[in-house]
Protein backbone atom coordinates (compact mmCIF):
# COMPACT_ATOMS: atom_id res chain seq x y z
CA MET A 1 0.00 0.00 0.00
CA PRO A 2 1.55 3.37 -0.99
CA ALA A 3 2.41 5.74 1.83
CA SER A 4 0.15 8.73 2.32
CA GLY A 5 1.36 12.33 2.25
CA LYS A 6 0.85 12.56 6.01
CA VAL A 7 3.11 9.56 6.63
CA LEU A 8 5.81 10.97 4.36
CA GLU A 9 5.59 14.36 6.03
CA ASP A 10 5.89 12.83 9.52
CA SER A 11 8.83 10.70 8.39
CA ILE A 12 10.71 13.78 7.14
CA ARG A 13 10.01 15.61 10.42
CA LEU A 14 11.26 12.66 12.46
CA SER A 15 14.49 12.55 10.45
CA ARG A 16 15.04 16.25 11.00
CA ILE A 17 14.35 15.99 14.72
CA ARG A 18 16.82 13.12 15.11
CA ARG A 19 19.45 14.91 13.02
CA ILE A 20 19.12 18.06 15.16
CA LYS A 21 19.32 15.95 18.34
CA LEU A 22 22.51 14.18 17.25
CA THR A 23 24.12 17.46 16.19
CA LEU A 24 23.28 19.07 19.52
CA TYR A 25 24.67 16.09 21.45
CA ALA A 26 27.89 16.19 19.42
CA VAL A 27 28.36 19.90 20.16
CA GLN A 28 27.79 19.29 23.87
CA ALA A 29 30.29 16.41 23.87
CA VAL A 30 32.92 18.75 22.41
CA MET A 31 32.03 21.36 25.05
CA LEU A 32 32.44 18.75 27.78
CA VAL A 33 35.93 17.82 26.58
CA ALA A 34 36.93 21.49 26.37
CA LEU A 35 35.57 22.24 29.84
CA GLY A 36 37.28 19.15 31.19
CA VAL A 37 40.66 20.29 29.88
CA LEU A 38 40.06 23.80 31.24
CA LEU A 39 38.97 22.70 34.72
CA VAL A 40 41.46 19.87 35.19
CA PHE A 41 44.62 21.19 33.56
CA VAL A 42 44.28 24.98 33.49
CA VAL A 43 42.26 25.83 36.62
CA GLY A 44 43.02 22.68 38.62
CA GLY A 45 46.75 22.60 37.86
CA ALA A 46 46.82 18.93 36.90
CA LYS A 47 50.14 17.27 36.26
CA LEU A 48 51.31 13.85 35.14
CA LYS A 49 54.91 13.98 36.42
CA PRO A 50 56.57 13.45 38.81
CA THR A 51 53.34 12.57 40.66
CA LEU A 52 49.98 12.04 38.98
CA TYR A 53 47.41 14.69 39.91
CA LEU A 54 44.08 14.99 38.07
CA PRO A 55 41.59 17.06 40.09
CA ILE A 56 38.32 15.76 38.69
CA ASP A 57 35.95 16.91 41.46
CA SER A 58 34.96 20.09 39.58
CA PHE A 59 34.87 18.21 36.28
CA LEU A 60 32.45 15.66 37.76
CA ALA A 61 30.13 18.49 38.78
CA VAL A 62 30.20 19.89 35.22
CA LEU A 63 29.71 16.37 33.80
CA VAL A 64 26.60 15.70 35.91
CA LEU A 65 25.22 19.16 35.08
CA LEU A 66 25.67 18.54 31.36
CA LEU A 67 24.08 15.09 31.67
CA LEU A 68 21.09 16.73 33.39
CA ILE A 69 20.79 19.26 30.55
CA ILE A 70 21.04 16.49 27.93
CA CYS A 71 18.43 14.52 29.84
CA LEU A 72 15.98 17.43 29.77
CA GLU A 73 16.69 17.96 26.07
CA SER A 74 16.02 14.29 25.38
CA PHE A 75 12.59 14.68 27.00
CA PHE A 76 11.76 17.49 24.61
CA PHE A 77 12.96 15.58 21.55
CA ARG A 78 11.09 12.43 22.63
CA ILE A 79 7.86 14.42 22.90
CA LEU A 80 8.36 15.59 19.31
CA GLU A 81 9.22 12.07 18.14
CA VAL A 82 6.08 10.65 19.73
CA LYS A 83 4.00 13.42 18.18
CA PHE A 84 5.32 12.81 14.66
CA ALA A 85 5.62 9.02 14.85
CA ARG A 86 3.95 7.25 11.93
CA SER A 87 1.90 4.73 13.91
CA THR A 88 0.29 4.00 17.25
CA SER A 89 2.69 1.08 17.74
CA ALA A 90 5.72 3.35 17.22
CA ARG A 91 4.38 5.87 19.76
CA HIS A 92 3.78 3.10 22.27
CA LEU A 93 7.27 1.63 21.77
CA MET A 94 8.94 5.04 22.12
CA ALA A 95 7.12 5.77 25.37
CA LYS A 96 7.79 2.27 26.73
CA ASN A 97 11.51 2.39 25.96
CA SER A 98 11.83 5.87 27.46
CA ILE A 99 10.20 4.70 30.68
CA LYS A 100 12.60 1.74 30.97
CA ARG A 101 15.62 3.92 30.20
CA SER A 102 14.62 6.57 32.75
CA ALA A 103 14.01 3.90 35.39
CA ILE A 104 17.58 2.64 34.91
CA TYR A 105 18.90 6.21 35.18
CA VAL A 106 16.96 6.72 38.42
CA VAL A 107 18.39 3.57 40.01
CA VAL A 108 22.00 4.33 39.01
CA ALA A 109 21.82 8.00 40.06
CA ALA A 110 20.09 7.07 43.34
CA VAL A 111 22.92 4.67 44.21
CA PHE A 112 25.47 7.47 43.80
CA VAL A 113 23.30 9.86 45.84
CA VAL A 114 23.22 7.35 48.69
CA MET A 115 27.01 6.94 48.50
CA LEU A 116 27.56 10.70 48.69
CA ALA A 117 24.78 11.69 51.07
CA VAL A 118 24.52 8.95 53.72
CA PRO A 119 27.01 9.75 56.53
CA SER A 120 27.94 6.13 57.22
CA VAL A 121 28.69 5.40 53.58
CA LEU A 122 30.61 8.65 53.19
CA HIS A 123 32.59 7.93 56.34
CA SER A 124 33.57 4.54 54.91
CA LEU A 125 34.83 6.29 51.78
CA GLU A 126 36.85 8.78 53.84
CA SER A 127 38.26 6.11 56.17
CA ILE A 128 40.03 4.45 53.22
CA GLY A 129 42.55 7.29 53.24
CA GLN A 130 42.99 7.58 57.02
CA GLU A 131 46.53 7.05 58.29
CA THR A 132 47.77 6.45 61.84
CA THR A 133 51.52 6.16 62.48
CA VAL A 134 53.78 6.02 65.52
CA MET A 135 56.87 8.14 64.83
CA THR A 136 60.15 8.61 66.66
CA GLN A 137 63.25 10.68 66.03
CA LEU A 138 64.98 7.61 64.59
CA SER A 139 62.09 6.55 62.35
CA GLY A 140 62.26 9.84 60.44
CA SER A 141 59.42 11.99 59.14
CA VAL A 142 55.88 11.01 58.23
CA SER A 143 54.93 12.19 54.76
CA PHE A 144 51.53 12.57 53.13
CA TYR A 145 49.86 14.43 50.26
CA SER A 146 47.29 17.17 50.70
CA SER A 147 44.76 15.11 48.70
CA ASP A 148 44.41 11.94 46.69
CA PRO A 149 45.47 12.10 43.00
CA PHE A 150 41.89 12.93 41.92
CA ASN A 151 41.17 15.55 44.61
CA LEU A 152 38.16 13.63 45.91
CA VAL A 153 39.51 13.20 49.45
CA ARG A 154 41.60 15.91 51.17
CA ALA A 155 43.73 15.99 54.30
CA VAL A 156 42.17 18.54 56.69
CA HIS A 157 44.08 18.13 59.95
CA VAL A 158 46.60 16.00 61.80
CA ASP A 159 46.00 14.72 65.34
CA VAL A 160 49.18 14.19 67.38
CA LYS A 161 49.43 12.47 70.78
CA ALA A 162 52.51 12.10 73.00
CA THR A 163 53.07 11.07 76.63
CA ARG A 164 55.77 13.69 77.16
CA THR A 165 56.46 17.10 75.64
CA VAL A 166 57.78 17.04 72.07
CA GLN A 167 57.50 19.31 69.06
CA ILE A 168 56.02 18.48 65.66
CA TYR A 169 56.78 20.57 62.57
CA LEU A 170 54.67 20.52 59.41
CA VAL A 171 56.77 21.46 56.36
CA ASP A 172 56.38 21.17 52.61
CA ASP A 173 58.43 18.72 50.58
CA ALA A 174 60.67 21.36 48.97
CA THR A 175 61.83 22.70 52.35
CA TYR A 176 62.24 19.22 53.82
CA THR A 177 64.33 17.99 50.86
CA GLN A 178 66.50 21.12 50.86
CA TYR A 179 67.66 20.76 54.48
CA LEU A 180 67.52 16.97 54.90
CA GLY A 181 70.89 15.67 56.16
CA THR A 182 72.26 19.09 57.11
CA GLU A 183 73.51 20.02 60.57
CA ASP A 184 70.86 22.69 61.08
CA PHE A 185 68.01 20.43 59.88
CA LEU A 186 65.82 20.76 62.98
CA SER A 187 66.48 24.49 63.21
CA ALA A 188 65.42 24.93 59.60
CA MET A 189 62.30 22.81 60.15
CA PHE A 190 61.40 25.00 63.12
CA ALA A 191 62.01 28.20 61.14
CA TYR A 192 60.03 27.11 58.05
CA ARG A 193 57.24 25.17 59.78
CA LEU A 194 53.72 25.82 58.48
CA ASN A 195 52.09 25.30 61.88
CA ARG A 196 53.26 28.62 63.37
CA ASP A 197 50.96 28.70 66.39
CA PRO A 198 52.61 27.10 69.48
CA SER A 199 49.35 25.27 70.20
CA GLN A 200 49.82 23.45 66.90
CA TYR A 201 53.43 22.30 67.24
CA ILE A 202 54.17 21.87 70.99
CA VAL A 203 52.72 18.54 72.07
CA THR A 204 52.23 18.08 75.80
CA ASN A 205 49.39 15.60 75.51
CA GLU A 206 47.39 16.03 72.30
CA ILE A 207 47.22 18.71 69.59
CA GLN A 208 45.54 19.18 66.22
CA ILE A 209 47.47 20.64 63.28
CA GLU A 210 45.44 22.25 60.52
CA VAL A 211 46.64 21.31 57.04
CA PRO A 212 46.80 24.47 54.86
CA SER A 213 45.17 24.54 51.43
CA LEU A 214 48.11 25.10 49.11
CA GLY A 215 47.01 22.96 46.20
CA PHE A 216 48.41 19.48 45.62
CA VAL A 217 51.36 19.43 48.01
CA LYS A 218 53.46 16.76 49.69
CA TYR A 219 53.90 17.46 53.40
CA HIS A 220 56.26 16.09 56.03
CA LEU A 221 55.81 15.86 59.79
CA VAL A 222 59.11 16.17 61.63
CA LEU A 223 59.49 15.17 65.28
CA ASN A 224 61.77 17.10 67.65
CA ASP A 225 62.27 15.14 70.89
CA MET A 226 65.26 17.11 72.25
CA GLU A 227 63.30 18.09 75.36
CA ASN A 228 62.43 14.45 76.11
CA PRO A 229 64.67 12.12 74.10
CA GLN A 230 63.25 8.84 72.72
CA THR A 231 59.67 10.01 73.16
CA SER A 232 57.36 8.73 70.44
CA ALA A 233 54.29 10.45 69.00
CA THR A 234 51.16 8.93 67.49
CA VAL A 235 50.08 10.74 64.34
CA SER A 236 46.62 10.42 62.75
CA ILE A 237 45.92 12.15 59.44
CA GLU A 238 42.24 13.04 59.12
CA LYS A 239 40.83 13.25 55.58
CA HIS A 240 37.45 14.49 54.33
CA ALA A 241 35.70 14.10 51.00
CA SER A 242 35.77 17.11 48.68
CA SER A 243 32.85 19.46 49.34
CA THR A 244 32.45 19.96 45.59
CA PHE A 245 32.18 16.21 45.11
CA THR A 246 29.78 15.59 47.98
CA GLY A 247 27.80 18.84 47.79
CA ILE A 248 27.29 20.08 44.25
CA VAL A 249 27.44 16.65 42.61
CA SER A 250 24.94 15.26 45.14
CA MET A 251 22.43 18.07 44.50
CA LEU A 252 22.74 17.66 40.73
CA LEU A 253 22.24 13.91 41.01
CA ILE A 254 19.11 14.47 43.12
CA ALA A 255 17.81 16.85 40.44
CA PHE A 256 18.60 14.16 37.85
CA VAL A 257 16.58 11.59 39.81
CA VAL A 258 13.62 13.95 40.29
CA ALA A 259 13.59 14.91 36.59
CA ASN A 260 13.51 11.28 35.47
CA ILE A 261 10.81 10.32 37.97
CA ALA A 262 8.68 13.22 36.72
CA TRP A 263 9.34 12.11 33.13
CA ILE A 264 8.22 8.55 33.93
CA ALA A 265 5.04 9.89 35.55
CA TYR A 266 4.39 11.96 32.40
CA LEU A 267 4.95 9.02 30.05
CA ILE A 268 2.91 6.35 31.84
CA PRO A 269 -0.51 7.70 30.68
CA ILE A 270 0.85 8.11 27.14
CA GLU A 271 2.24 4.57 27.09
CA ARG A 272 -1.10 3.17 28.32
CA LYS A 273 -3.03 5.24 25.79
CA TYR A 274 -1.16 3.85 22.79
CA SER A 275 -0.69 0.31 24.15
CA VAL A 276 -4.30 -0.57 23.24
CA GLY A 277 -3.70 -0.46 19.50
CA SER A 278 0.00 -1.38 19.55
CA ILE A 279 1.50 -4.56 18.11
CA TYR A 280 4.27 -4.36 20.76
CA LYS A 281 3.45 -5.72 24.20
């Protein structure tokens, strides 16, 4: 049976809609790559040598935002596709597939929301990077980085305990390496320490040293036990998840879940309407 003019017209419209959709998605993919390079390498100061550092926390926020925008755009294009579909069966199949796809998106996004929002789960993620070490003058310094290589978990403070009075100096790697092995090593560590306040370097029982935000930096903790020789100190490095990763990304994922649930609620009556005369069940 020859196709009617209406069928031909709808077919041409569908082709145009899909061509516009693919073009728009391609442009947004290019934008995502460009923004990724800008945020990670230019703004974030990423480096590959000598130590890998790729701060992707901000990039993940942009990625989820762009996925949310693409998701909303796909709703609009699907409405047009259903409107100009050539048969009841095609409309029913489009609505049915969209419902299934959105349901999968909701489940996946909800899992990530739980991981980032539930305190117990988040604490488990943060505890992976926790470090506790007993240090002495002979054992040398304790070193750590300000964050993990992807900037998802950051060192925020160091808890130090000692039974007798000692001093702990927090210094950056460049200063530590420069004076390591020299006669005035401890004097230099004292002079260039980052924890300037006496309450953050003189340990009589327990202190907490705030880790400064200086980008991706390797730090060293140096013990000075001259006042009480052979006294050890217990050092615990506390790390927290990036606020960008847990805050902005979580909110965007929640918006993603809500948008897809609303879309499913919108499509269910449409799917039921066209299922009566559809050949697809």
